[in-house]
C-alpha atoms as a PDB file:
ATOM      1  CA  UNK A   1       0.000   0.000   0.000  1.00  0.00           C
ATOM      2  CA  UNK A   2       2.789   2.423   0.920  1.00  0.00           C
ATOM      3  CA  UNK A   3       4.627   1.774  -2.354  1.00  0.00           C
ATOM      4  CA  UNK A   4       1.465   2.416  -4.363  1.00  0.00           C
ATOM      5  CA  UNK A   5       0.727   5.642  -2.473  1.00  0.00           C
ATOM      6  CA  UNK A   6       4.275   6.902  -2.940  1.00  0.00           C
ATOM      7  CA  UNK A   7       4.458   5.996  -6.646  1.00  0.00           C
ATOM      8  CA  UNK A   8       1.089   7.632  -7.324  1.00  0.00           C
ATOM      9  CA  UNK A   9       2.091  10.746  -5.391  1.00  0.00           C
ATOM     10  CA  UNK A  10       5.389  11.064  -7.237  1.00  0.00           C
ATOM     11  CA  UNK A  11       3.575  10.683 -10.555  1.00  0.00           C
ATOM     12  CA  UNK A  12       1.175  13.445  -9.537  1.00  0.00           C
ATOM     13  CA  UNK A  13       4.166  15.686  -8.781  1.00  0.00           C
ATOM     14  CA  UNK A  14       5.598  14.881 -12.203  1.00  0.00           C
ATOM     15  CA  UNK A  15       8.526  12.986 -10.689  1.00  0.00           C
ATOM     16  CA  UNK A  16       9.838   9.644 -11.896  1.00  0.00           C
ATOM     17  CA  UNK A  17      12.148   7.909  -9.433  1.00  0.00           C
ATOM     18  CA  UNK A  18      13.645   4.416  -9.804  1.00  0.00           C
ATOM     19  CA  UNK A  19      12.131   1.691  -7.645  1.00  0.00           C
ATOM     20  CA  UNK A  20      15.313   1.432  -5.560  1.00  0.00           C
ATOM     21  CA  UNK A  21      15.105   5.110  -4.587  1.00  0.00           C
ATOM     22  CA  UNK A  22      11.399   4.822  -3.793  1.00  0.00           C
ATOM     23  CA  UNK A  23      12.183   1.925  -1.459  1.00  0.00           C
ATOM     24  CA  UNK A  24      14.907   4.038   0.173  1.00  0.00           C
ATOM     25  CA  UNK A  25      12.389   6.841   0.736  1.00  0.00           C
ATOM     26  CA  UNK A  26      10.048   4.384   2.475  1.00  0.00           C
ATOM     27  CA  UNK A  27      12.973   3.032   4.527  1.00  0.00           C
ATOM     28  CA  UNK A  28      13.659   6.603   5.660  1.00  0.00           C
ATOM     29  CA  UNK A  29       9.980   7.003   6.590  1.00  0.00           C
ATOM     30  CA  UNK A  30      10.160   3.818   8.685  1.00  0.00           C
ATOM     31  CA  UNK A  31      13.375   4.972  10.361  1.00  0.00           C
ATOM     32  CA  UNK A  32      11.868   8.376  11.167  1.00  0.00           C
ATOM     33  CA  UNK A  33       8.773   6.834  12.770  1.00  0.00           C
ATOM     34  CA  UNK A  34      10.860   4.268  14.676  1.00  0.00           C
ATOM     35  CA  UNK A  35      13.191   6.907  16.169  1.00  0.00           C
ATOM     36  CA  UNK A  36      10.252   9.212  16.736  1.00  0.00           C
ATOM     37  CA  UNK A  37       8.998   7.010  19.579  1.00  0.00           C
ATOM     38  CA  UNK A  38      12.050   8.022  21.624  1.00  0.00           C
ATOM     39  CA  UNK A  39      13.277  11.252  20.054  1.00  0.00           C
ATOM     40  CA  UNK A  40      10.027  13.104  19.264  1.00  0.00           C
ATOM     41  CA  UNK A  41      11.080  14.113  15.734  1.00  0.00           C
ATOM     42  CA  UNK A  42       7.605  14.633  14.284  1.00  0.00           C
ATOM     43  CA  UNK A  43       4.023  15.009  15.491  1.00  0.00           C
ATOM     44  CA  UNK A  44       2.907  12.431  12.910  1.00  0.00           C
ATOM     45  CA  UNK A  45       2.545   8.791  13.898  1.00  0.00           C
ATOM     46  CA  UNK A  46       0.652   7.387  10.907  1.00  0.00           C
ATOM     47  CA  UNK A  47       2.867   5.731   8.231  1.00  0.00           C
ATOM     48  CA  UNK A  48       0.500   6.581   5.349  1.00  0.00           C
ATOM     49  CA  UNK A  49       0.211  10.204   6.461  1.00  0.00           C
ATOM     50  CA  UNK A  50       3.994  10.444   6.659  1.00  0.00           C
ATOM     51  CA  UNK A  51       4.194   9.717   2.906  1.00  0.00           C
ATOM     52  CA  UNK A  52       2.157  12.794   1.984  1.00  0.00           C
ATOM     53  CA  UNK A  53       3.099  15.133   4.835  1.00  0.00           C
ATOM     54  CA  UNK A  54       6.826  14.338   4.886  1.00  0.00           C
ATOM     55  CA  UNK A  55       8.087  12.542   1.770  1.00  0.00           C
ATOM     56  CA  UNK A  56       5.912  14.123  -0.922  1.00  0.00           C
ATOM     57  CA  UNK A  57       5.873  17.513   0.799  1.00  0.00           C
ATOM     58  CA  UNK A  58       9.684  17.548   0.773  1.00  0.00           C
ATOM     59  CA  UNK A  59       9.943  16.297  -2.808  1.00  0.00           C
ATOM     60  CA  UNK A  60       7.454  18.870  -4.116  1.00  0.00           C
ATOM     61  CA  UNK A  61      10.346  21.355  -4.274  1.00  0.00           C
ATOM     62  CA  UNK A  62      12.643  18.966  -6.186  1.00  0.00           C
ATOM     63  CA  UNK A  63      12.028  20.553  -9.628  1.00  0.00           C
ATOM     64  CA  UNK A  64      13.230  23.878  -8.181  1.00  0.00           C
ATOM     65  CA  UNK A  65      16.431  22.523  -6.631  1.00  0.00           C
ATOM     66  CA  UNK A  66      19.364  23.363  -8.894  1.00  0.00           C
ATOM     67  CA  UNK A  67      22.827  21.893  -9.187  1.00  0.00           C
ATOM     68  CA  UNK A  68      25.545  22.483  -6.645  1.00  0.00           C
ATOM     69  CA  UNK A  69      25.529  22.163  -2.886  1.00  0.00           C
ATOM     70  CA  UNK A  70      22.445  22.515  -0.684  1.00  0.00           C
ATOM     71  CA  UNK A  71      22.356  23.464   3.002  1.00  0.00           C
ATOM     72  CA  UNK A  72      19.119  22.549   4.797  1.00  0.00           C
ATOM     73  CA  UNK A  73      18.650  24.680   7.911  1.00  0.00           C
ATOM     74  CA  UNK A  74      16.785  23.464  11.002  1.00  0.00           C
ATOM     75  CA  UNK A  75      16.543  20.000   9.488  1.00  0.00           C
ATOM     76  CA  UNK A  76      14.930  18.364  12.536  1.00  0.00           C
ATOM     77  CA  UNK A  77      13.866  14.938  11.338  1.00  0.00           C
ATOM     78  CA  UNK A  78      15.632  15.426   8.011  1.00  0.00           C
ATOM     79  CA  UNK A  79      12.930  17.248   6.078  1.00  0.00           C
ATOM     80  CA  UNK A  80      13.337  18.174   3.271  1.00  0.00           C
ATOM     81  CA  UNK A  81      17.077  17.342   3.317  1.00  0.00           C
ATOM     82  CA  UNK A  82      17.034  13.547   3.377  1.00  0.00           C
ATOM     83  CA  UNK A  83      14.241  12.974   0.799  1.00  0.00           C
ATOM     84  CA  UNK A  84      16.065  15.416  -1.521  1.00  0.00           C
ATOM     85  CA  UNK A  85      19.387  13.616  -0.934  1.00  0.00           C
ATOM     86  CA  UNK A  86      17.741  10.270  -1.724  1.00  0.00           C
ATOM     87  CA  UNK A  87      16.055  11.554  -4.890  1.00  0.00           C
ATOM     88  CA  UNK A  88      19.200  13.366  -6.086  1.00  0.00           C
ATOM     89  CA  UNK A  89      22.293  11.226  -5.343  1.00  0.00           C
ATOM     90  CA  UNK A  90      24.319  13.791  -7.345  1.00  0.00           C
ATOM     91  CA  UNK A  91      23.344  16.588  -4.942  1.00  0.00           C
ATOM     92  CA  UNK A  92      25.643  17.413  -2.026  1.00  0.00           C
ATOM     93  CA  UNK A  93      23.264  17.941   0.927  1.00  0.00           C
ATOM     94  CA  UNK A  94      24.370  19.390   4.266  1.00  0.00           C
ATOM     95  CA  UNK A  95      21.940  19.555   7.177  1.00  0.00           C
ATOM     96  CA  UNK A  96      22.228  21.609  10.331  1.00  0.00           C
ATOM     97  CA  UNK A  97      20.250  21.573  13.573  1.00  0.00           C
ATOM     98  CA  UNK A  98      20.941  22.883  17.081  1.00  0.00           C
ATOM     99  CA  UNK A  99      19.324  19.890  18.813  1.00  0.00           C
ATOM    100  CA  UNK A 100      21.806  17.073  19.342  1.00  0.00           C
ATOM    101  CA  UNK A 101      19.291  14.222  19.409  1.00  0.00           C
ATOM    102  CA  UNK A 102      18.031  15.334  16.000  1.00  0.00           C
ATOM    103  CA  UNK A 103      21.512  15.464  14.478  1.00  0.00           C
ATOM    104  CA  UNK A 104      22.207  12.039  16.014  1.00  0.00           C
ATOM    105  CA  UNK A 105      19.177  10.719  14.146  1.00  0.00           C
ATOM    106  CA  UNK A 106      20.272  12.416  10.913  1.00  0.00           C
ATOM    107  CA  UNK A 107      23.745  10.868  11.180  1.00  0.00           C
ATOM    108  CA  UNK A 108      22.278   7.434  11.783  1.00  0.00           C
ATOM    109  CA  UNK A 109      19.799   7.793   8.906  1.00  0.00           C
ATOM    110  CA  UNK A 110      22.621   8.776   6.541  1.00  0.00           C
ATOM    111  CA  UNK A 111      24.608   5.699   7.638  1.00  0.00           C
ATOM    112  CA  UNK A 112      21.712   3.204   7.478  1.00  0.00           C
ATOM    113  CA  UNK A 113      20.508   4.494   4.111  1.00  0.00           C
ATOM    114  CA  UNK A 114      24.096   4.751   2.754  1.00  0.00           C
ATOM    115  CA  UNK A 115      23.643   8.398   1.783  1.00  0.00           C
ATOM    116  CA  UNK A 116      27.208   9.331   0.867  1.00  0.00           C
ATOM    117  CA  UNK A 117      26.049  12.757  -0.342  1.00  0.00           C
ATOM    118  CA  UNK A 118      24.885  13.829   3.140  1.00  0.00           C
ATOM    119  CA  UNK A 119      26.793  15.796   5.790  1.00  0.00           C
ATOM    120  CA  UNK A 120      25.306  16.599   9.216  1.00  0.00           C
ATOM    121  CA  UNK A 121      26.256  19.560  11.430  1.00  0.00           C
ATOM    122  CA  UNK A 122      25.284  20.005  15.081  1.00  0.00           C
ATOM    123  CA  UNK A 123      25.604  23.788  15.280  1.00  0.00           C
ATOM    124  CA  UNK A 124      23.915  27.152  15.299  1.00  0.00           C
ATOM    125  CA  UNK A 125      23.656  28.114  11.645  1.00  0.00           C
ATOM    126  CA  UNK A 126      24.820  31.680  12.280  1.00  0.00           C
ATOM    127  CA  UNK A 127      28.102  30.268  13.619  1.00  0.00           C
ATOM    128  CA  UNK A 128      28.715  27.903  10.699  1.00  0.00           C
ATOM    129  CA  UNK A 129      31.402  28.338   8.068  1.00  0.00           C
ATOM    130  CA  UNK A 130      31.312  27.344   4.413  1.00  0.00           C
ATOM    131  CA  UNK A 131      29.661  28.315   1.151  1.00  0.00           C
ATOM    132  CA  UNK A 132      26.574  26.770  -0.408  1.00  0.00           C
ATOM    133  CA  UNK A 133      24.818  27.240  -3.744  1.00  0.00           C
ATOM    134  CA  UNK A 134      21.360  26.845  -2.215  1.00  0.00           C
ATOM    135  CA  UNK A 135      19.987  27.125   1.311  1.00  0.00           C
ATOM    136  CA  UNK A 136      16.619  25.588   2.181  1.00  0.00           C
ATOM    137  CA  UNK A 137      14.326  25.683   5.200  1.00  0.00           C
ATOM    138  CA  UNK A 138      10.981  24.157   6.079  1.00  0.00           C
ATOM    139  CA  UNK A 139       9.079  26.044   8.786  1.00  0.00           C
ATOM    140  CA  UNK A 140      12.384  27.236  10.281  1.00  0.00           C
ATOM    141  CA  UNK A 141      11.801  30.953  10.886  1.00  0.00           C
ATOM    142  CA  UNK A 142      10.377  34.093   9.322  1.00  0.00           C
ATOM    143  CA  UNK A 143      12.037  34.655   5.961  1.00  0.00           C
ATOM    144  CA  UNK A 144      13.915  37.845   6.940  1.00  0.00           C
ATOM    145  CA  UNK A 145      15.437  36.046   9.955  1.00  0.00           C
ATOM    146  CA  UNK A 146      16.238  32.958   7.868  1.00  0.00           C
ATOM    147  CA  UNK A 147      18.129  35.160   5.402  1.00  0.00           C
ATOM    148  CA  UNK A 148      19.989  37.177   8.051  1.00  0.00           C
ATOM    149  CA  UNK A 149      21.165  34.002   9.837  1.00  0.00           C
ATOM    150  CA  UNK A 150      22.404  32.322   6.646  1.00  0.00           C
ATOM    151  CA  UNK A 151      23.496  35.152   4.336  1.00  0.00           C
ATOM    152  CA  UNK A 152      27.194  34.540   5.063  1.00  0.00           C
ATOM    153  CA  UNK A 153      26.843  30.929   3.860  1.00  0.00           C
ATOM    154  CA  UNK A 154      25.314  31.610   0.426  1.00  0.00           C
ATOM    155  CA  UNK A 155      27.599  31.878  -2.597  1.00  0.00           C
ATOM    156  CA  UNK A 156      27.250  35.038  -4.721  1.00  0.00           C
ATOM    157  CA  UNK A 157      24.347  34.407  -7.074  1.00  0.00           C
ATOM    158  CA  UNK A 158      23.030  31.580  -4.867  1.00  0.00           C
ATOM    159  CA  UNK A 159      19.383  31.098  -3.900  1.00  0.00           C
ATOM    160  CA  UNK A 160      17.338  30.621  -0.767  1.00  0.00           C
ATOM    161  CA  UNK A 161      14.489  28.091  -0.916  1.00  0.00           C
ATOM    162  CA  UNK A 162      11.992  28.825   1.851  1.00  0.00           C
ATOM    163  CA  UNK A 163       9.148  26.324   2.266  1.00  0.00           C
ATOM    164  CA  UNK A 164       6.015  27.886   3.704  1.00  0.00           C
ATOM    165  CA  UNK A 165       2.354  27.074   4.262  1.00  0.00           C
ATOM    166  CA  UNK A 166       0.166  30.017   3.344  1.00  0.00           C
ATOM    167  CA  UNK A 167       1.645  32.654   1.035  1.00  0.00           C
ATOM    168  CA  UNK A 168       3.730  34.762   3.468  1.00  0.00           C
ATOM    169  CA  UNK A 169       3.034  38.239   2.080  1.00  0.00           C
ATOM    170  CA  UNK A 170       3.669  40.000   5.411  1.00  0.00           C
ATOM    171  CA  UNK A 171       7.044  38.275   5.751  1.00  0.00           C
ATOM    172  CA  UNK A 172       7.994  39.299   2.224  1.00  0.00           C
ATOM    173  CA  UNK A 173       7.222  42.940   2.992  1.00  0.00           C
ATOM    174  CA  UNK A 174       9.795  42.794   5.805  1.00  0.00           C
ATOM    175  CA  UNK A 175      12.677  41.694   3.575  1.00  0.00           C
ATOM    176  CA  UNK A 176      15.844  43.808   3.301  1.00  0.00           C
ATOM    177  CA  UNK A 177      15.935  46.080   0.237  1.00  0.00           C
ATOM    178  CA  UNK A 178      18.669  44.082  -1.493  1.00  0.00           C
ATOM    179  CA  UNK A 179      16.763  40.788  -1.412  1.00  0.00           C
ATOM    180  CA  UNK A 180      14.854  39.850  -4.563  1.00  0.00           C
ATOM    181  CA  UNK A 181      11.931  37.438  -4.625  1.00  0.00           C
ATOM    182  CA  UNK A 182      12.696  35.361  -7.708  1.00  0.00           C
ATOM    183  CA  UNK A 183       9.521  33.276  -7.562  1.00  0.00           C
ATOM    184  CA  UNK A 184       6.564  32.379  -5.371  1.00  0.00           C
ATOM    185  CA  UNK A 185       5.606  28.834  -6.329  1.00  0.00           C
ATOM    186  CA  UNK A 186       2.298  27.347  -5.125  1.00  0.00           C
ATOM    187  CA  UNK A 187       2.837  23.653  -4.399  1.00  0.00           C
ATOM    188  CA  UNK A 188       0.105  21.043  -4.750  1.00  0.00           C
ATOM    189  CA  UNK A 189       1.173  18.148  -2.533  1.00  0.00           C
ATOM    190  CA  UNK A 190      -0.782  14.903  -3.121  1.00  0.00           C
ATOM    191  CA  UNK A 191      -2.666  13.862   0.024  1.00  0.00           C
ATOM    192  CA  UNK A 192      -1.982  17.160   1.791  1.00  0.00           C
ATOM    193  CA  UNK A 193      -5.078  19.329   2.115  1.00  0.00           C
ATOM    194  CA  UNK A 194      -3.284  22.554   2.984  1.00  0.00           C
ATOM    195  CA  UNK A 195      -1.680  25.500   1.261  1.00  0.00           C
ATOM    196  CA  UNK A 196       2.024  25.114   0.516  1.00  0.00           C
ATOM    197  CA  UNK A 197       4.364  27.599  -1.130  1.00  0.00           C
ATOM    198  CA  UNK A 198       8.015  27.689  -2.085  1.00  0.00           C
ATOM    199  CA  UNK A 199       9.609  31.138  -1.929  1.00  0.00           C
ATOM    200  CA  UNK A 200      12.783  31.449  -4.012  1.00  0.00           C
ATOM    201  CA  UNK A 201      14.984  34.436  -3.162  1.00  0.00           C
ATOM    202  CA  UNK A 202      18.374  35.851  -4.037  1.00  0.00           C
ATOM    203  CA  UNK A 203      20.528  38.741  -2.931  1.00  0.00           C
ATOM    204  CA  UNK A 204      20.844  41.718  -5.263  1.00  0.00           C
ATOM    205  CA  UNK A 205      24.209  42.482  -6.817  1.00  0.00           C
END
């Protein structure tokens, strides 16, 4: 049943993933729910619901993820970082969270799922070093704060990918003058009866 739900959902998103990667996505779902009993990584307990609310919700932004490195901020249970890393083995995905038990889970998930393209950081993002082509977040913070905390980590010409529920017009009004909204993409996530948007931003020259 899970395989059918996932395959149908991916098809609805316009995504075609090999069977092996779909099975890896479901293995991640199982791992997340197993660790959740002890580590409280997600409010969801239902395996079917986790396909739509976690796997498909994360993968809905896949067509908008470019090449080059991706830093996922406030990764928590690995969303959207791990589903993106599974779907794009060519993509270098770094994940950062301040909560040690969450980064412990992320490390273990990367090991068990043999995700060689994943790096996990237990740190405050504003204290991190490095340069990334793209920086993503899912319900991490208001967009202006997200940008101010991560601006030093984005390469010139790089993009922020902020996942939001309702269209965050008030947050966008509070952006610094040199930040450009490149696109506001409504996302239709199969099985998720709620508004979802991807806000793509870049810094002006």
